[in-house]
PDB file of all heavy atoms in Angstrom:
ATOM      1  N   GLY A   1       0.816  -1.206   0.000  1.00  0.00           N
ATOM      2  CA  GLY A   1       0.000   0.000   0.000  1.00  0.00           C
ATOM      3  C   GLY A   1       0.849   1.255   0.000  1.00  0.00           C
ATOM      4  O   GLY A   1       1.961   1.297   0.514  1.00  0.00           O
ATOM      5  N   SER A   2       0.275   2.300  -0.589  1.00  0.00           N
ATOM      6  CA  SER A   2       0.994   3.581  -0.661  1.00  0.00           C
ATOM      7  C   SER A   2       0.018   4.725  -0.391  1.00  0.00           C
ATOM      8  O   SER A   2       0.015   5.729  -1.081  1.00  0.00           O
ATOM      9  CB  SER A   2       1.646   3.752  -2.034  1.00  0.00           C
ATOM     10  OG  SER A   2       0.674   3.661  -3.061  1.00  0.00           O
ATOM     11  N   GLY A   3      -0.849   4.491   0.583  1.00  0.00           N
ATOM     12  CA  GLY A   3      -1.835   5.526   0.887  1.00  0.00           C
ATOM     13  C   GLY A   3      -3.054   5.486   0.011  1.00  0.00           C
ATOM     14  O   GLY A   3      -3.903   6.380   0.075  1.00  0.00           O
ATOM     15  N   SER A   4      -3.193   4.457  -0.814  1.00  0.00           N
ATOM     16  CA  SER A   4      -4.337   4.363  -1.708  1.00  0.00           C
ATOM     17  C   SER A   4      -5.586   4.031  -0.901  1.00  0.00           C
ATOM     18  O   SER A   4      -5.549   3.283   0.075  1.00  0.00           O
ATOM     19  CB  SER A   4      -4.101   3.275  -2.756  1.00  0.00           C
ATOM     20  OG  SER A   4      -5.267   3.047  -3.510  1.00  0.00           O
ATOM     21  N   ARG A   5      -6.702   4.580  -1.344  1.00  0.00           N
ATOM     22  CA  ARG A   5      -7.980   4.315  -0.678  1.00  0.00           C
ATOM     23  C   ARG A   5      -8.744   3.198  -1.392  1.00  0.00           C
ATOM     24  O   ARG A   5      -9.895   2.958  -1.090  1.00  0.00           O
ATOM     25  CB  ARG A   5      -8.824   5.590  -0.651  1.00  0.00           C
ATOM     26  CG  ARG A   5      -8.153   6.750   0.066  1.00  0.00           C
ATOM     27  CD  ARG A   5      -8.952   8.035  -0.093  1.00  0.00           C
ATOM     28  NE  ARG A   5     -10.232   7.969   0.606  1.00  0.00           N
ATOM     29  CZ  ARG A   5     -11.202   8.872   0.465  1.00  0.00           C
ATOM     30  NH1 ARG A   5     -11.030   9.893  -0.375  1.00  0.00           N
ATOM     31  NH2 ARG A   5     -12.340   8.754   1.129  1.00  0.00           N
ATOM     32  N   HIS A   6      -8.074   2.552  -2.338  1.00  0.00           N
ATOM     33  CA  HIS A   6      -8.733   1.501  -3.119  1.00  0.00           C
ATOM     34  C   HIS A   6      -8.621   0.168  -2.371  1.00  0.00           C
ATOM     35  O   HIS A   6      -8.064  -0.813  -2.881  1.00  0.00           O
ATOM     36  CB  HIS A   6      -8.095   1.406  -4.499  1.00  0.00           C
ATOM     37  CG  HIS A   6      -9.011   0.813  -5.518  1.00  0.00           C
ATOM     38  ND1 HIS A   6      -8.687   0.717  -6.844  1.00  0.00           N
ATOM     39  CD2 HIS A   6     -10.260   0.288  -5.411  1.00  0.00           C
ATOM     40  CE1 HIS A   6      -9.687   0.158  -7.511  1.00  0.00           C
ATOM     41  NE2 HIS A   6     -10.644  -0.117  -6.657  1.00  0.00           N
ATOM     42  N   VAL A   7      -9.183   0.118  -1.174  1.00  0.00           N
ATOM     43  CA  VAL A   7      -9.083  -1.079  -0.340  1.00  0.00           C
ATOM     44  C   VAL A   7      -9.931  -2.219  -0.880  1.00  0.00           C
ATOM     45  O   VAL A   7      -9.751  -3.376  -0.494  1.00  0.00           O
ATOM     46  CB  VAL A   7      -9.517  -0.759   1.116  1.00  0.00           C
ATOM     47  CG1 VAL A   7      -8.546   0.198   1.761  1.00  0.00           C
ATOM     48  CG2 VAL A   7     -10.930  -0.188   1.145  1.00  0.00           C
ATOM     49  N   SER A   8     -10.861  -1.883  -1.774  1.00  0.00           N
ATOM     50  CA  SER A   8     -11.736  -2.937  -2.307  1.00  0.00           C
ATOM     51  C   SER A   8     -10.957  -3.991  -3.080  1.00  0.00           C
ATOM     52  O   SER A   8     -11.409  -5.133  -3.197  1.00  0.00           O
ATOM     53  CB  SER A   8     -12.813  -2.317  -3.207  1.00  0.00           C
ATOM     54  OG  SER A   8     -12.232  -1.601  -4.270  1.00  0.00           O
ATOM     55  N   LEU A   9      -9.771  -3.635  -3.599  1.00  0.00           N
ATOM     56  CA  LEU A   9      -8.957  -4.621  -4.316  1.00  0.00           C
ATOM     57  C   LEU A   9      -8.494  -5.736  -3.381  1.00  0.00           C
ATOM     58  O   LEU A   9      -8.451  -6.910  -3.771  1.00  0.00           O
ATOM     59  CB  LEU A   9      -7.754  -3.931  -4.966  1.00  0.00           C
ATOM     60  CG  LEU A   9      -8.076  -2.960  -6.110  1.00  0.00           C
ATOM     61  CD1 LEU A   9      -6.805  -2.302  -6.632  1.00  0.00           C
ATOM     62  CD2 LEU A   9      -8.803  -3.692  -7.236  1.00  0.00           C
ATOM     63  N   LEU A  10      -8.137  -5.365  -2.160  1.00  0.00           N
ATOM     64  CA  LEU A  10      -7.742  -6.385  -1.183  1.00  0.00           C
ATOM     65  C   LEU A  10      -8.927  -7.264  -0.809  1.00  0.00           C
ATOM     66  O   LEU A  10      -8.784  -8.473  -0.625  1.00  0.00           O
ATOM     67  CB  LEU A  10      -7.166  -5.716   0.068  1.00  0.00           C
ATOM     68  CG  LEU A  10      -5.791  -5.065  -0.081  1.00  0.00           C
ATOM     69  CD1 LEU A  10      -5.411  -4.351   1.210  1.00  0.00           C
ATOM     70  CD2 LEU A  10      -4.739  -6.104  -0.439  1.00  0.00           C
ATOM     71  N   ILE A  11     -10.100  -6.660  -0.677  1.00  0.00           N
ATOM     72  CA  ILE A  11     -11.299  -7.434  -0.351  1.00  0.00           C
ATOM     73  C   ILE A  11     -11.639  -8.386  -1.490  1.00  0.00           C
ATOM     74  O   ILE A  11     -12.025  -9.539  -1.270  1.00  0.00           O
ATOM     75  CB  ILE A  11     -12.486  -6.497  -0.050  1.00  0.00           C
ATOM     76  CG1 ILE A  11     -12.142  -5.551   1.093  1.00  0.00           C
ATOM     77  CG2 ILE A  11     -13.731  -7.306   0.297  1.00  0.00           C
ATOM     78  CD1 ILE A  11     -13.219  -4.521   1.371  1.00  0.00           C
ATOM     79  N   LEU A  12     -11.474  -7.909  -2.734  1.00  0.00           N
ATOM     80  CA  LEU A  12     -11.703  -8.782  -3.889  1.00  0.00           C
ATOM     81  C   LEU A  12     -10.709  -9.933  -3.901  1.00  0.00           C
ATOM     82  O   LEU A  12     -11.078 -11.078  -4.209  1.00  0.00           O
ATOM     83  CB  LEU A  12     -11.592  -7.971  -5.180  1.00  0.00           C
ATOM     84  CG  LEU A  12     -11.749  -8.761  -6.480  1.00  0.00           C
ATOM     85  CD1 LEU A  12     -13.115  -9.427  -6.547  1.00  0.00           C
ATOM     86  CD2 LEU A  12     -11.539  -7.852  -7.691  1.00  0.00           C
ATOM     87  N   LEU A  13      -9.445  -9.637  -3.553  1.00  0.00           N
ATOM     88  CA  LEU A  13      -8.439 -10.702  -3.479  1.00  0.00           C
ATOM     89  C   LEU A  13      -8.853 -11.742  -2.449  1.00  0.00           C
ATOM     90  O   LEU A  13      -8.740 -12.959  -2.698  1.00  0.00           O
ATOM     91  CB  LEU A  13      -7.078 -10.107  -3.121  1.00  0.00           C
ATOM     92  CG  LEU A  13      -5.937 -11.118  -2.907  1.00  0.00           C
ATOM     93  CD1 LEU A  13      -5.679 -11.921  -4.180  1.00  0.00           C
ATOM     94  CD2 LEU A  13      -4.662 -10.397  -2.450  1.00  0.00           C
ATOM     95  N   ALA A  14      -9.349 -11.291  -1.294  1.00  0.00           N
ATOM     96  CA  ALA A  14      -9.808 -12.224  -0.263  1.00  0.00           C
ATOM     97  C   ALA A  14     -10.964 -13.074  -0.781  1.00  0.00           C
ATOM     98  O   ALA A  14     -11.010 -14.295  -0.550  1.00  0.00           O
ATOM     99  CB  ALA A  14     -10.235 -11.453   0.984  1.00  0.00           C
ATOM    100  N   ALA A  15     -11.905 -12.437  -1.492  1.00  0.00           N
ATOM    101  CA  ALA A  15     -13.046 -13.179  -2.035  1.00  0.00           C
ATOM    102  C   ALA A  15     -12.585 -14.247  -3.023  1.00  0.00           C
ATOM    103  O   ALA A  15     -13.083 -15.384  -3.002  1.00  0.00           O
ATOM    104  CB  ALA A  15     -14.019 -12.215  -2.710  1.00  0.00           C
ATOM    105  N   LEU A  16     -11.631 -13.908  -3.882  1.00  0.00           N
ATOM    106  CA  LEU A  16     -11.137 -14.868  -4.874  1.00  0.00           C
ATOM    107  C   LEU A  16     -10.384 -16.018  -4.208  1.00  0.00           C
ATOM    108  O   LEU A  16     -10.540 -17.183  -4.598  1.00  0.00           O
ATOM    109  CB  LEU A  16     -10.230 -14.150  -5.872  1.00  0.00           C
ATOM    110  CG  LEU A  16     -10.915 -13.114  -6.777  1.00  0.00           C
ATOM    111  CD1 LEU A  16      -9.882 -12.389  -7.643  1.00  0.00           C
ATOM    112  CD2 LEU A  16     -11.970 -13.776  -7.651  1.00  0.00           C
ATOM    113  N   VAL A  17      -9.578 -15.691  -3.201  1.00  0.00           N
ATOM    114  CA  VAL A  17      -8.829 -16.735  -2.492  1.00  0.00           C
ATOM    115  C   VAL A  17      -9.790 -17.671  -1.765  1.00  0.00           C
ATOM    116  O   VAL A  17      -9.675 -18.905  -1.846  1.00  0.00           O
ATOM    117  CB  VAL A  17      -7.836 -16.105  -1.494  1.00  0.00           C
ATOM    118  CG1 VAL A  17      -7.219 -17.185  -0.596  1.00  0.00           C
ATOM    119  CG2 VAL A  17      -6.736 -15.364  -2.245  1.00  0.00           C
ATOM    120  N   TYR A  18     -10.774 -17.099  -1.071  1.00  0.00           N
ATOM    121  CA  TYR A  18     -11.742 -17.926  -0.355  1.00  0.00           C
ATOM    122  C   TYR A  18     -12.565 -18.776  -1.327  1.00  0.00           C
ATOM    123  O   TYR A  18     -12.878 -19.937  -1.037  1.00  0.00           O
ATOM    124  CB  TYR A  18     -12.684 -17.055   0.481  1.00  0.00           C
ATOM    125  CG  TYR A  18     -12.021 -16.387   1.664  1.00  0.00           C
ATOM    126  CD1 TYR A  18     -12.453 -15.141   2.122  1.00  0.00           C
ATOM    127  CD2 TYR A  18     -10.974 -17.000   2.340  1.00  0.00           C
ATOM    128  CE1 TYR A  18     -11.850 -14.526   3.212  1.00  0.00           C
ATOM    129  CE2 TYR A  18     -10.363 -16.396   3.425  1.00  0.00           C
ATOM    130  CZ  TYR A  18     -10.814 -15.150   3.857  1.00  0.00           C
ATOM    131  OH  TYR A  18     -10.219 -14.559   4.932  1.00  0.00           O
ATOM    132  N   ALA A  19     -12.945 -18.182  -2.465  1.00  0.00           N
ATOM    133  CA  ALA A  19     -13.729 -18.939  -3.450  1.00  0.00           C
ATOM    134  C   ALA A  19     -12.925 -20.115  -3.990  1.00  0.00           C
ATOM    135  O   ALA A  19     -13.440 -21.240  -4.107  1.00  0.00           O
ATOM    136  CB  ALA A  19     -14.159 -18.010  -4.590  1.00  0.00           C
ATOM    137  N   ALA A  20     -11.651 -19.857  -4.322  1.00  0.00           N
ATOM    138  CA  ALA A  20     -10.799 -20.927  -4.842  1.00  0.00           C
ATOM    139  C   ALA A  20     -10.612 -22.026  -3.797  1.00  0.00           C
ATOM    140  O   ALA A  20     -10.713 -23.222  -4.108  1.00  0.00           O
ATOM    141  CB  ALA A  20      -9.453 -20.353  -5.274  1.00  0.00           C
ATOM    142  N   LEU A  21     -10.358 -21.626  -2.551  1.00  0.00           N
ATOM    143  CA  LEU A  21     -10.174 -22.612  -1.486  1.00  0.00           C
ATOM    144  C   LEU A  21     -11.473 -23.373  -1.205  1.00  0.00           C
ATOM    145  O   LEU A  21     -11.465 -24.593  -1.015  1.00  0.00           O
ATOM    146  CB  LEU A  21      -9.695 -21.923  -0.210  1.00  0.00           C
ATOM    147  CG  LEU A  21      -8.242 -21.441  -0.197  1.00  0.00           C
ATOM    148  CD1 LEU A  21      -7.975 -20.579   1.026  1.00  0.00           C
ATOM    149  CD2 LEU A  21      -7.280 -22.629  -0.229  1.00  0.00           C
ATOM    150  N   GLY A  22     -12.581 -22.637  -1.192  1.00  0.00           N
ATOM    151  CA  GLY A  22     -13.865 -23.272  -0.910  1.00  0.00           C
ATOM    152  C   GLY A  22     -14.231 -24.324  -1.935  1.00  0.00           C
ATOM    153  O   GLY A  22     -14.728 -25.406  -1.589  1.00  0.00           O
ATOM    154  N   LEU A  23     -13.983 -24.031  -3.202  1.00  0.00           N
ATOM    155  CA  LEU A  23     -14.303 -24.985  -4.264  1.00  0.00           C
ATOM    156  C   LEU A  23     -13.297 -26.126  -4.313  1.00  0.00           C
ATOM    157  O   LEU A  23     -13.641 -27.253  -4.669  1.00  0.00           O
ATOM    158  CB  LEU A  23     -14.339 -24.264  -5.619  1.00  0.00           C
ATOM    159  CG  LEU A  23     -15.441 -23.208  -5.791  1.00  0.00           C
ATOM    160  CD1 LEU A  23     -15.271 -22.483  -7.118  1.00  0.00           C
ATOM    161  CD2 LEU A  23     -16.819 -23.844  -5.715  1.00  0.00           C
ATOM    162  N   TRP A  24     -12.044 -25.843  -3.962  1.00  0.00           N
ATOM    163  CA  TRP A  24     -11.003 -26.867  -4.054  1.00  0.00           C
ATOM    164  C   TRP A  24     -11.054 -27.848  -2.882  1.00  0.00           C
ATOM    165  O   TRP A  24     -10.854 -29.051  -3.062  1.00  0.00           O
ATOM    166  CB  TRP A  24      -9.624 -26.203  -4.101  1.00  0.00           C
ATOM    167  CG  TRP A  24      -8.494 -27.178  -4.018  1.00  0.00           C
ATOM    168  CD1 TRP A  24      -8.142 -28.139  -4.930  1.00  0.00           C
ATOM    169  CD2 TRP A  24      -7.557 -27.309  -2.927  1.00  0.00           C
ATOM    170  NE1 TRP A  24      -7.062 -28.854  -4.487  1.00  0.00           N
ATOM    171  CE2 TRP A  24      -6.674 -28.362  -3.266  1.00  0.00           C
ATOM    172  CE3 TRP A  24      -7.388 -26.635  -1.728  1.00  0.00           C
ATOM    173  CZ2 TRP A  24      -5.637 -28.751  -2.417  1.00  0.00           C
ATOM    174  CZ3 TRP A  24      -6.341 -27.017  -0.889  1.00  0.00           C
ATOM    175  CH2 TRP A  24      -5.484 -28.067  -1.238  1.00  0.00           C
TER     176      TRP A  24
END
């Protein structure tokens, strides 16, 4: 991070990781 307010990207990363783990 560099002071960006685009925190939704991290939340999207969490959603993708959880989805991949959940299905796998």
